[in-house]
Amino acid sequence: MHIARAARFAAAHCLLRAASDVADHWVQTDHQARTKGQHDHNDGQSSAAGRRACAAHVATYTATQAAVLLAGTRVLWVRLRPGPVAAALTLSAITHYVADRREPLRKLADATGKGNFVRLADFGMNGAYALDQAWHHAFETAAALIASA
């Protein structure tokens, strides 16, 4: 029984991780990537456009994860229950939206002493992107644990 759950977790994690990269780097439109983090506190227009772009990106991101998870588990003959899968995809979607609005992660980075790193854009590094990806990886792992329950 424990081995079966470990196999379900491993399959779910690999599939969610692969789907995330495809959704973030191939499915996401250029407009979504450029606009999803906009925060213009003076006129609300840019902020609304940012929220819409982020929501559209998260919708395609979650759909990609769901499709890959469904197809992959069928190919692997891994059975996941619909309730935990829905909960896992919901966690992934919500946390992805929070991160991709950018300001919440910047505030978290500032609060945890990573303020300089999140703004790093030199030496071949992009601190904001690295922290964004670490956030996504952590919650994809949690989502895979939930999906495999």
N, C-alpha and C. Protein backbone atom coordinates (compact mmCIF):
# COMPACT_ATOMS: atom_id res chain seq x y z
N MET A 1 0.81 -1.19 0.00
CA MET A 1 0.00 0.00 0.00
C MET A 1 0.86 1.27 0.00
N HIS A 2 1.92 1.30 0.83
CA HIS A 2 2.78 2.48 0.90
C HIS A 2 3.56 2.66 -0.40
N ILE A 3 3.96 1.56 -1.01
CA ILE A 3 4.69 1.63 -2.28
C ILE A 3 3.78 2.20 -3.36
N ALA A 4 2.51 1.81 -3.36
CA ALA A 4 1.57 2.33 -4.35
C ALA A 4 1.40 3.84 -4.20
N ARG A 5 1.33 4.33 -2.97
CA ARG A 5 1.18 5.77 -2.77
C ARG A 5 2.45 6.49 -3.21
N ALA A 6 3.59 5.91 -2.93
CA ALA A 6 4.86 6.52 -3.37
C ALA A 6 4.91 6.59 -4.89
N ALA A 7 4.44 5.55 -5.55
CA ALA A 7 4.42 5.54 -7.02
C ALA A 7 3.45 6.60 -7.54
N ARG A 8 2.29 6.74 -6.90
CA ARG A 8 1.33 7.77 -7.30
C ARG A 8 1.93 9.16 -7.12
N PHE A 9 2.62 9.36 -5.99
CA PHE A 9 3.26 10.65 -5.74
C PHE A 9 4.32 10.94 -6.80
N ALA A 10 5.17 9.96 -7.06
CA ALA A 10 6.25 10.16 -8.04
C ALA A 10 5.68 10.49 -9.42
N ALA A 11 4.67 9.78 -9.83
CA ALA A 11 4.05 10.04 -11.13
C ALA A 11 3.43 11.43 -11.15
N ALA A 12 2.65 11.75 -10.11
CA ALA A 12 1.98 13.05 -10.07
C ALA A 12 3.00 14.18 -10.05
N HIS A 13 4.05 14.03 -9.28
CA HIS A 13 5.06 15.09 -9.19
C HIS A 13 5.74 15.31 -10.53
N CYS A 14 6.19 14.25 -11.16
CA CYS A 14 6.87 14.37 -12.46
C CYS A 14 5.95 15.01 -13.50
N LEU A 15 4.71 14.57 -13.53
CA LEU A 15 3.76 15.10 -14.51
C LEU A 15 3.42 16.56 -14.25
N LEU A 16 3.19 16.92 -12.99
CA LEU A 16 2.89 18.31 -12.66
C LEU A 16 4.08 19.22 -12.96
N ARG A 17 5.29 18.76 -12.66
CA ARG A 17 6.49 19.56 -12.91
C ARG A 17 6.69 19.80 -14.40
N ALA A 18 6.56 18.75 -15.19
CA ALA A 18 6.72 18.90 -16.64
C ALA A 18 5.65 19.81 -17.21
N ALA A 19 4.41 19.61 -16.78
CA ALA A 19 3.31 20.43 -17.27
C ALA A 19 3.51 21.90 -16.90
N SER A 20 4.06 22.14 -15.73
CA SER A 20 4.30 23.51 -15.29
C SER A 20 5.26 24.22 -16.23
N ASP A 21 6.36 23.57 -16.56
CA ASP A 21 7.32 24.20 -17.47
C ASP A 21 6.71 24.45 -18.85
N VAL A 22 5.97 23.48 -19.36
CA VAL A 22 5.33 23.66 -20.66
C VAL A 22 4.33 24.83 -20.60
N ALA A 23 3.52 24.85 -19.56
CA ALA A 23 2.51 25.89 -19.43
C ALA A 23 3.12 27.28 -19.24
N ASP A 24 4.17 27.35 -18.43
CA ASP A 24 4.81 28.64 -18.16
C ASP A 24 5.62 29.18 -19.33
N HIS A 25 6.25 28.28 -20.08
CA HIS A 25 7.19 28.75 -21.09
C HIS A 25 6.74 28.56 -22.54
N TRP A 26 5.75 27.71 -22.78
CA TRP A 26 5.26 27.50 -24.14
C TRP A 26 3.80 27.92 -24.31
N VAL A 27 2.96 27.62 -23.35
CA VAL A 27 1.53 27.91 -23.48
C VAL A 27 1.23 29.38 -23.16
N GLN A 28 1.88 29.91 -22.16
CA GLN A 28 1.66 31.31 -21.76
C GLN A 28 1.94 32.24 -22.93
N THR A 29 1.04 33.18 -23.17
CA THR A 29 1.26 34.13 -24.26
C THR A 29 2.26 35.20 -23.84
N ASP A 30 2.82 35.86 -24.83
CA ASP A 30 3.74 36.96 -24.56
C ASP A 30 3.01 38.07 -23.80
N HIS A 31 1.77 38.35 -24.20
CA HIS A 31 0.99 39.38 -23.50
C HIS A 31 0.80 39.02 -22.02
N GLN A 32 0.45 37.78 -21.74
CA GLN A 32 0.28 37.36 -20.35
C GLN A 32 1.57 37.52 -19.58
N ALA A 33 2.68 37.10 -20.16
CA ALA A 33 3.97 37.18 -19.47
C ALA A 33 4.35 38.62 -19.17
N ARG A 34 4.08 39.53 -20.11
CA ARG A 34 4.45 40.93 -19.92
C ARG A 34 3.49 41.68 -19.00
N THR A 35 2.23 41.25 -18.93
CA THR A 35 1.20 42.03 -18.26
C THR A 35 0.81 41.51 -16.88
N LYS A 36 0.95 40.22 -16.62
CA LYS A 36 0.39 39.58 -15.42
C LYS A 36 0.86 40.17 -14.09
N GLY A 37 1.99 40.82 -14.07
CA GLY A 37 2.49 41.38 -12.83
C GLY A 37 2.29 42.88 -12.70
N GLN A 38 1.54 43.49 -13.63
CA GLN A 38 1.36 44.94 -13.59
C GLN A 38 0.58 45.38 -12.37
N HIS A 39 1.14 46.38 -11.71
CA HIS A 39 0.50 47.03 -10.56
C HIS A 39 0.70 48.52 -10.74
N ASP A 40 -0.34 49.21 -11.13
CA ASP A 40 -0.27 50.66 -11.24
C ASP A 40 -1.26 51.22 -10.24
N HIS A 41 -0.78 51.65 -9.12
CA HIS A 41 -1.64 52.08 -8.04
C HIS A 41 -2.26 53.45 -8.28
N ASN A 42 -1.88 54.12 -9.37
CA ASN A 42 -2.43 55.44 -9.63
C ASN A 42 -3.73 55.41 -10.42
N ASP A 43 -3.87 54.47 -11.36
CA ASP A 43 -5.07 54.51 -12.19
C ASP A 43 -5.86 53.20 -12.23
N GLY A 44 -5.48 52.18 -11.60
CA GLY A 44 -6.26 50.94 -11.55
C GLY A 44 -6.36 50.21 -12.87
N GLN A 45 -6.16 50.90 -14.00
CA GLN A 45 -6.27 50.25 -15.31
C GLN A 45 -5.20 49.18 -15.49
N SER A 46 -3.97 49.51 -15.24
CA SER A 46 -2.88 48.55 -15.41
C SER A 46 -3.02 47.40 -14.44
N SER A 47 -3.44 47.71 -13.22
CA SER A 47 -3.62 46.67 -12.23
C SER A 47 -4.72 45.71 -12.66
N ALA A 48 -5.81 46.22 -13.21
CA ALA A 48 -6.90 45.37 -13.69
C ALA A 48 -6.41 44.52 -14.87
N ALA A 49 -5.64 45.12 -15.75
CA ALA A 49 -5.10 44.37 -16.89
C ALA A 49 -4.16 43.27 -16.39
N GLY A 50 -3.39 43.58 -15.36
CA GLY A 50 -2.49 42.58 -14.77
C GLY A 50 -3.26 41.42 -14.17
N ARG A 51 -4.32 41.72 -13.44
CA ARG A 51 -5.14 40.66 -12.85
C ARG A 51 -5.79 39.79 -13.93
N ARG A 52 -6.30 40.43 -14.99
CA ARG A 52 -6.92 39.66 -16.08
C ARG A 52 -5.89 38.76 -16.78
N ALA A 53 -4.72 39.32 -17.07
CA ALA A 53 -3.68 38.54 -17.76
C ALA A 53 -3.21 37.39 -16.89
N CYS A 54 -3.07 37.63 -15.60
CA CYS A 54 -2.63 36.58 -14.69
C CYS A 54 -3.69 35.49 -14.58
N ALA A 55 -4.95 35.88 -14.48
CA ALA A 55 -6.04 34.89 -14.40
C ALA A 55 -6.10 34.04 -15.68
N ALA A 56 -5.92 34.67 -16.83
CA ALA A 56 -5.94 33.92 -18.09
C ALA A 56 -4.76 32.95 -18.14
N HIS A 57 -3.60 33.41 -17.71
CA HIS A 57 -2.43 32.52 -17.68
C HIS A 57 -2.66 31.36 -16.73
N VAL A 58 -3.17 31.62 -15.55
CA VAL A 58 -3.40 30.56 -14.57
C VAL A 58 -4.44 29.56 -15.08
N ALA A 59 -5.42 30.04 -15.83
CA ALA A 59 -6.43 29.13 -16.40
C ALA A 59 -5.78 28.16 -17.39
N THR A 60 -4.93 28.67 -18.28
CA THR A 60 -4.28 27.77 -19.24
C THR A 60 -3.22 26.90 -18.56
N TYR A 61 -2.57 27.46 -17.55
CA TYR A 61 -1.58 26.72 -16.77
C TYR A 61 -2.24 25.52 -16.08
N THR A 62 -3.37 25.77 -15.43
CA THR A 62 -4.08 24.71 -14.71
C THR A 62 -4.66 23.69 -15.67
N ALA A 63 -5.18 24.15 -16.79
CA ALA A 63 -5.71 23.23 -17.80
C ALA A 63 -4.59 22.33 -18.36
N THR A 64 -3.42 22.91 -18.55
CA THR A 64 -2.28 22.12 -19.03
C THR A 64 -1.89 21.08 -18.00
N GLN A 65 -1.81 21.48 -16.74
CA GLN A 65 -1.48 20.52 -15.69
C GLN A 65 -2.52 19.41 -15.61
N ALA A 66 -3.79 19.77 -15.70
CA ALA A 66 -4.85 18.76 -15.62
C ALA A 66 -4.76 17.78 -16.79
N ALA A 67 -4.56 18.30 -17.99
CA ALA A 67 -4.48 17.43 -19.18
C ALA A 67 -3.28 16.49 -19.10
N VAL A 68 -2.13 17.02 -18.70
CA VAL A 68 -0.93 16.20 -18.60
C VAL A 68 -1.08 15.16 -17.48
N LEU A 69 -1.65 15.56 -16.37
CA LEU A 69 -1.86 14.63 -15.26
C LEU A 69 -2.83 13.52 -15.67
N LEU A 70 -3.91 13.87 -16.33
CA LEU A 70 -4.88 12.86 -16.78
C LEU A 70 -4.27 11.91 -17.80
N ALA A 71 -3.64 12.47 -18.83
CA ALA A 71 -3.05 11.63 -19.88
C ALA A 71 -1.90 10.79 -19.33
N GLY A 72 -1.03 11.41 -18.56
CA GLY A 72 0.13 10.70 -18.04
C GLY A 72 -0.22 9.56 -17.11
N THR A 73 -1.18 9.79 -16.22
CA THR A 73 -1.56 8.71 -15.30
C THR A 73 -2.27 7.58 -16.04
N ARG A 74 -2.97 7.90 -17.11
CA ARG A 74 -3.58 6.83 -17.91
C ARG A 74 -2.52 5.99 -18.60
N VAL A 75 -1.54 6.63 -19.17
CA VAL A 75 -0.45 5.90 -19.85
C VAL A 75 0.29 5.03 -18.84
N LEU A 76 0.51 5.56 -17.64
CA LEU A 76 1.26 4.83 -16.61
C LEU A 76 0.39 3.85 -15.82
N TRP A 77 -0.89 3.85 -16.07
CA TRP A 77 -1.84 3.01 -15.33
C TRP A 77 -1.80 3.33 -13.83
N VAL A 78 -1.71 4.60 -13.54
CA VAL A 78 -1.73 5.08 -12.16
C VAL A 78 -3.11 5.67 -11.91
N ARG A 79 -3.75 5.22 -10.86
CA ARG A 79 -5.09 5.70 -10.56
C ARG A 79 -5.04 6.76 -9.47
N LEU A 80 -5.56 7.93 -9.80
CA LEU A 80 -5.69 9.01 -8.83
C LEU A 80 -7.18 9.31 -8.66
N ARG A 81 -7.56 9.62 -7.44
CA ARG A 81 -8.97 9.93 -7.17
C ARG A 81 -9.27 11.38 -7.56
N PRO A 82 -10.46 11.62 -8.11
CA PRO A 82 -10.81 12.97 -8.59
C PRO A 82 -10.76 14.05 -7.50
N GLY A 83 -11.22 13.75 -6.29
CA GLY A 83 -11.23 14.76 -5.23
C GLY A 83 -9.85 15.29 -4.90
N PRO A 84 -8.90 14.41 -4.59
CA PRO A 84 -7.55 14.89 -4.31
C PRO A 84 -6.90 15.59 -5.51
N VAL A 85 -7.19 15.12 -6.72
CA VAL A 85 -6.64 15.78 -7.91
C VAL A 85 -7.19 17.20 -8.02
N ALA A 86 -8.49 17.36 -7.81
CA ALA A 86 -9.09 18.70 -7.86
C ALA A 86 -8.48 19.60 -6.79
N ALA A 87 -8.29 19.07 -5.59
CA ALA A 87 -7.67 19.86 -4.52
C ALA A 87 -6.24 20.24 -4.89
N ALA A 88 -5.50 19.31 -5.46
CA ALA A 88 -4.11 19.57 -5.86
C ALA A 88 -4.05 20.66 -6.93
N LEU A 89 -4.91 20.58 -7.94
CA LEU A 89 -4.92 21.58 -9.01
C LEU A 89 -5.36 22.94 -8.48
N THR A 90 -6.27 22.96 -7.51
CA THR A 90 -6.70 24.21 -6.91
C THR A 90 -5.55 24.86 -6.15
N LEU A 91 -4.82 24.08 -5.36
CA LEU A 91 -3.65 24.61 -4.66
C LEU A 91 -2.64 25.16 -5.65
N SER A 92 -2.36 24.41 -6.69
CA SER A 92 -1.40 24.84 -7.70
C SER A 92 -1.85 26.15 -8.35
N ALA A 93 -3.13 26.25 -8.70
CA ALA A 93 -3.65 27.45 -9.37
C ALA A 93 -3.56 28.67 -8.47
N ILE A 94 -4.01 28.54 -7.25
CA ILE A 94 -4.03 29.69 -6.33
C ILE A 94 -2.62 30.18 -6.04
N THR A 95 -1.72 29.26 -5.75
CA THR A 95 -0.35 29.67 -5.42
C THR A 95 0.37 30.19 -6.65
N HIS A 96 0.01 29.69 -7.83
CA HIS A 96 0.63 30.20 -9.06
C HIS A 96 0.18 31.64 -9.31
N TYR A 97 -1.10 31.90 -9.10
CA TYR A 97 -1.61 33.27 -9.27
C TYR A 97 -0.90 34.23 -8.32
N VAL A 98 -0.79 33.84 -7.06
CA VAL A 98 -0.15 34.70 -6.07
C VAL A 98 1.29 35.03 -6.50
N ALA A 99 2.03 34.02 -6.90
CA ALA A 99 3.42 34.25 -7.29
C ALA A 99 3.53 35.11 -8.55
N ASP A 100 2.67 34.83 -9.52
CA ASP A 100 2.79 35.52 -10.80
C ASP A 100 2.27 36.95 -10.79
N ARG A 101 1.62 37.36 -9.72
CA ARG A 101 1.28 38.77 -9.59
C ARG A 101 2.51 39.57 -9.14
N ARG A 102 3.57 38.87 -8.81
CA ARG A 102 4.92 39.37 -8.52
C ARG A 102 5.05 40.16 -7.22
N GLU A 103 4.19 41.08 -6.95
CA GLU A 103 4.31 41.91 -5.75
C GLU A 103 4.27 41.08 -4.47
N PRO A 104 3.39 40.07 -4.35
CA PRO A 104 3.39 39.27 -3.11
C PRO A 104 4.74 38.59 -2.84
N LEU A 105 5.39 38.06 -3.88
CA LEU A 105 6.70 37.42 -3.67
C LEU A 105 7.78 38.44 -3.33
N ARG A 106 7.70 39.61 -3.94
CA ARG A 106 8.67 40.67 -3.58
C ARG A 106 8.52 41.04 -2.12
N LYS A 107 7.28 41.18 -1.65
CA LYS A 107 7.05 41.51 -0.24
C LYS A 107 7.52 40.39 0.68
N LEU A 108 7.27 39.15 0.29
CA LEU A 108 7.74 38.01 1.07
C LEU A 108 9.27 37.97 1.10
N ALA A 109 9.89 38.23 -0.04
CA ALA A 109 11.35 38.27 -0.10
C ALA A 109 11.91 39.36 0.81
N ASP A 110 11.29 40.52 0.78
CA ASP A 110 11.73 41.61 1.66
C ASP A 110 11.58 41.21 3.13
N ALA A 111 10.46 40.59 3.47
CA ALA A 111 10.18 40.22 4.86
C ALA A 111 11.09 39.12 5.38
N THR A 112 11.65 38.31 4.47
CA THR A 112 12.50 37.18 4.89
C THR A 112 13.98 37.41 4.63
N GLY A 113 14.34 38.65 4.35
CA GLY A 113 15.75 38.96 4.15
C GLY A 113 16.28 38.62 2.77
N LYS A 114 15.40 38.37 1.82
CA LYS A 114 15.82 38.04 0.45
C LYS A 114 15.57 39.20 -0.51
N GLY A 115 15.39 40.40 0.04
CA GLY A 115 15.08 41.56 -0.77
C GLY A 115 16.14 41.89 -1.81
N ASN A 116 17.41 41.75 -1.44
CA ASN A 116 18.47 42.00 -2.42
C ASN A 116 18.48 40.92 -3.50
N PHE A 117 18.26 39.67 -3.10
CA PHE A 117 18.30 38.58 -4.07
C PHE A 117 17.15 38.68 -5.07
N VAL A 118 15.95 39.03 -4.60
CA VAL A 118 14.80 39.09 -5.51
C VAL A 118 15.01 40.17 -6.58
N ARG A 119 15.83 41.16 -6.28
CA ARG A 119 16.09 42.24 -7.23
C ARG A 119 17.36 42.01 -8.04
N LEU A 120 18.07 40.93 -7.78
CA LEU A 120 19.31 40.62 -8.50
C LEU A 120 19.02 40.37 -9.97
N ALA A 121 19.73 41.08 -10.83
CA ALA A 121 19.59 40.90 -12.27
C ALA A 121 20.96 41.09 -12.91
N ASP A 122 21.93 40.38 -12.37
CA ASP A 122 23.31 40.52 -12.84
C ASP A 122 24.02 39.18 -12.66
N PHE A 123 25.19 39.04 -13.18
CA PHE A 123 25.99 37.83 -13.05
C PHE A 123 25.28 36.62 -13.65
N GLY A 124 24.43 36.85 -14.67
CA GLY A 124 23.69 35.76 -15.29
C GLY A 124 22.54 35.25 -14.45
N MET A 125 22.16 35.99 -13.41
CA MET A 125 21.09 35.56 -12.50
C MET A 125 19.91 36.51 -12.59
N ASN A 126 18.74 35.95 -12.32
CA ASN A 126 17.54 36.75 -12.14
C ASN A 126 16.92 36.24 -10.85
N GLY A 127 17.11 36.98 -9.79
CA GLY A 127 16.64 36.54 -8.48
C GLY A 127 15.14 36.37 -8.40
N ALA A 128 14.39 37.27 -9.03
CA ALA A 128 12.93 37.17 -9.00
C ALA A 128 12.48 35.86 -9.66
N TYR A 129 13.06 35.54 -10.80
CA TYR A 129 12.70 34.30 -11.49
C TYR A 129 13.08 33.07 -10.65
N ALA A 130 14.26 33.10 -10.05
CA ALA A 130 14.70 31.96 -9.25
C ALA A 130 13.77 31.73 -8.04
N LEU A 131 13.39 32.81 -7.36
CA LEU A 131 12.48 32.67 -6.22
C LEU A 131 11.09 32.25 -6.68
N ASP A 132 10.64 32.77 -7.81
CA ASP A 132 9.35 32.37 -8.39
C ASP A 132 9.33 30.87 -8.66
N GLN A 133 10.38 30.37 -9.29
CA GLN A 133 10.44 28.95 -9.62
C GLN A 133 10.52 28.08 -8.36
N ALA A 134 11.28 28.53 -7.37
CA ALA A 134 11.36 27.77 -6.11
C ALA A 134 9.98 27.69 -5.45
N TRP A 135 9.24 28.78 -5.47
CA TRP A 135 7.88 28.83 -4.93
C TRP A 135 7.01 27.81 -5.66
N HIS A 136 7.05 27.85 -7.01
CA HIS A 136 6.23 26.91 -7.80
C HIS A 136 6.61 25.47 -7.51
N HIS A 137 7.90 25.18 -7.45
CA HIS A 137 8.34 23.80 -7.20
C HIS A 137 7.84 23.30 -5.85
N ALA A 138 7.91 24.15 -4.84
CA ALA A 138 7.46 23.74 -3.51
C ALA A 138 5.97 23.41 -3.52
N PHE A 139 5.17 24.25 -4.16
CA PHE A 139 3.73 24.00 -4.16
C PHE A 139 3.33 22.89 -5.13
N GLU A 140 4.12 22.66 -6.18
CA GLU A 140 3.85 21.49 -7.03
C GLU A 140 4.11 20.20 -6.26
N THR A 141 5.12 20.22 -5.42
CA THR A 141 5.40 19.05 -4.59
C THR A 141 4.25 18.81 -3.62
N ALA A 142 3.77 19.88 -2.99
CA ALA A 142 2.61 19.75 -2.09
C ALA A 142 1.38 19.28 -2.86
N ALA A 143 1.19 19.78 -4.06
CA ALA A 143 0.04 19.35 -4.88
C ALA A 143 0.15 17.87 -5.23
N ALA A 144 1.35 17.41 -5.53
CA ALA A 144 1.55 15.99 -5.85
C ALA A 144 1.27 15.12 -4.63
N LEU A 145 1.65 15.60 -3.45
CA LEU A 145 1.33 14.86 -2.22
C LEU A 145 -0.19 14.76 -2.03
N ILE A 146 -0.88 15.86 -2.30
CA ILE A 146 -2.33 15.85 -2.17
C ILE A 146 -2.96 14.93 -3.22
N ALA A 147 -2.53 15.04 -4.47
CA ALA A 147 -3.09 14.23 -5.56
C ALA A 147 -2.91 12.74 -5.31
N SER A 148 -1.82 12.39 -4.66
CA SER A 148 -1.51 10.96 -4.45
C SER A 148 -2.19 10.38 -3.22
N ALA A 149 -2.93 11.19 -2.49
CA ALA A 149 -3.59 10.71 -1.26
C ALA A 149 -4.64 9.64 -1.56
